[in-house]
Each structure stands twice: as structure tokens, then as C-alpha cells.
Amino acid sequence: MSLGDLMRRIPPPGSFVLFLLFLAGIWLTISPFAMTTQPSGQHWIASTINNVTIGGVLIAVSLLGILAYLALALRKLVCEAQAKQEVDQETASS
């Protein structure tokens, strides 16, 4: 395995950041209930609404980013496979 192949297999730092944002969004969403700052059985207080809203936005944005990254990576793999197939066809016909 060459160094170039190894470098292509390592996920970019941006995908780690998106994953950390996803985890932060989950924590923000559940923190009022886990830390018991939200009174049990009562209407949500303003800080709970804020945490759940911001956490939901972080989750949604990070999931969209992760899905976009995966879609672009899949597109790149398909293009590389098509290019390799074309080269193989040209060498076979020669």
C-alpha cells in the first residue's frame, strides 16, 4: 500500500468536526433533562427551549454536512471507477 492510498483512506478533519457538532447537538438537546434543570412534569422553561432548539439546529446542520460529504465521496468513487473502466476498455481494444 502506497502513501497516497493511505492518505486517501484517512477521513478529512472536517468530517470529525461535523461528528463533534452532532454530539454537541445531542448533548444540548438532552442536557436540561439529564442535568435536571428542567422541572419534571412542568412546561418547558426558556433555557430548555433554547437548548433544545439550538441542539436540534446543530444536529440537523451536522447531519446535512455528513450526508453531503458521503454523497460527494460516493460520486468521486463512481467517477474513478468509470475512468478506470474506460482505460481498461481502451487497453483491451488496442
Protein backbone atom coordinates (compact mmCIF):
# COMPACT_ATOMS: atom_id res chain seq x y z
CA MET A 1 0.00 0.00 0.00
CA SER A 2 1.47 3.31 -1.05
CA LEU A 3 1.36 6.50 0.98
CA GLY A 4 -1.09 8.06 -1.50
CA ASP A 5 -3.55 5.20 -0.99
CA LEU A 6 -3.20 5.52 2.75
CA MET A 7 -3.80 9.28 2.66
CA ARG A 8 -6.96 8.81 0.59
CA ARG A 9 -8.39 6.45 3.22
CA ILE A 10 -7.96 8.88 6.13
CA PRO A 11 -11.14 10.93 6.63
CA PRO A 12 -10.63 14.69 6.39
CA PRO A 13 -10.65 16.77 9.60
CA GLY A 14 -13.92 18.39 8.57
CA SER A 15 -15.78 15.13 8.98
CA PHE A 16 -14.51 14.86 12.56
CA VAL A 17 -15.72 18.40 13.24
CA LEU A 18 -19.16 17.55 11.85
CA PHE A 19 -19.30 14.48 14.09
CA LEU A 20 -18.33 16.57 17.14
CA LEU A 21 -21.02 19.13 16.25
CA PHE A 22 -23.52 16.27 16.04
CA LEU A 23 -22.53 15.06 19.51
CA ALA A 24 -22.69 18.61 20.88
CA GLY A 25 -26.19 18.98 19.44
CA ILE A 26 -27.31 15.77 21.11
CA TRP A 27 -25.85 16.92 24.42
CA LEU A 28 -27.51 20.34 24.16
CA THR A 29 -30.83 18.68 23.42
CA ILE A 30 -30.77 16.27 26.36
CA SER A 31 -28.81 18.36 28.89
CA PRO A 32 -31.80 20.13 30.53
CA PHE A 33 -33.28 16.74 31.32
CA ALA A 34 -30.03 14.98 32.23
CA MET A 35 -28.87 17.80 34.49
CA THR A 36 -32.41 18.25 35.92
CA THR A 37 -32.57 21.99 35.26
CA GLN A 38 -35.99 21.41 33.68
CA PRO A 39 -38.61 20.86 36.40
CA SER A 40 -40.23 17.45 35.94
CA GLY A 41 -43.79 17.47 34.64
CA GLN A 42 -43.96 21.22 34.02
CA HIS A 43 -43.97 23.36 30.89
CA TRP A 44 -40.56 23.94 29.42
CA ILE A 45 -38.69 26.92 30.77
CA ALA A 46 -36.94 29.38 28.45
CA SER A 47 -33.48 27.83 28.86
CA THR A 48 -34.84 24.37 28.00
CA ILE A 49 -36.49 25.70 24.84
CA ASN A 50 -33.24 27.42 23.91
CA ASN A 51 -31.13 24.29 24.48
CA VAL A 52 -33.47 22.00 22.57
CA THR A 53 -33.76 24.47 19.66
CA ILE A 54 -30.03 25.12 19.32
CA GLY A 55 -29.28 21.41 19.79
CA GLY A 56 -31.78 20.49 17.08
CA VAL A 57 -30.25 23.00 14.69
CA LEU A 58 -26.75 21.65 15.37
CA ILE A 59 -27.94 18.09 14.81
CA ALA A 60 -29.68 18.98 11.54
CA VAL A 61 -26.78 21.02 10.14
CA SER A 62 -24.17 18.43 11.06
CA LEU A 63 -26.24 15.59 9.60
CA LEU A 64 -26.69 17.53 6.36
CA GLY A 65 -22.95 18.13 6.25
CA ILE A 66 -22.17 14.47 6.88
CA LEU A 67 -24.65 13.37 4.19
CA ALA A 68 -23.20 15.88 1.72
CA TYR A 69 -19.68 14.61 2.45
CA LEU A 70 -20.77 11.00 1.93
CA ALA A 71 -22.60 11.86 -1.29
CA LEU A 72 -19.57 13.68 -2.71
CA ALA A 73 -17.25 10.83 -1.68
CA LEU A 74 -19.55 8.33 -3.40
CA ARG A 75 -19.65 10.50 -6.52
CA LYS A 76 -15.85 10.62 -6.56
CA LEU A 77 -15.62 6.83 -6.25
CA VAL A 78 -18.07 6.34 -9.13
CA CYS A 79 -16.13 8.76 -11.34
CA GLU A 80 -12.83 6.99 -10.54
CA ALA A 81 -14.39 3.59 -11.31
CA GLN A 82 -15.76 4.86 -14.63
CA ALA A 83 -12.39 6.34 -15.57
CA LYS A 84 -10.64 3.08 -14.71
CA GLN A 85 -13.19 1.13 -16.73
CA GLU A 86 -12.65 3.39 -19.74
CA VAL A 87 -8.87 2.94 -19.51
CA ASP A 88 -9.30 -0.84 -19.25
CA GLN A 89 -11.56 -0.86 -22.32
CA GLU A 90 -9.08 1.22 -24.31
CA THR A 91 -6.18 -1.06 -23.42
CA ALA A 92 -8.26 -4.15 -24.21
CA SER A 93 -9.22 -2.84 -27.66
CA SER A 94 -5.61 -1.94 -28.52
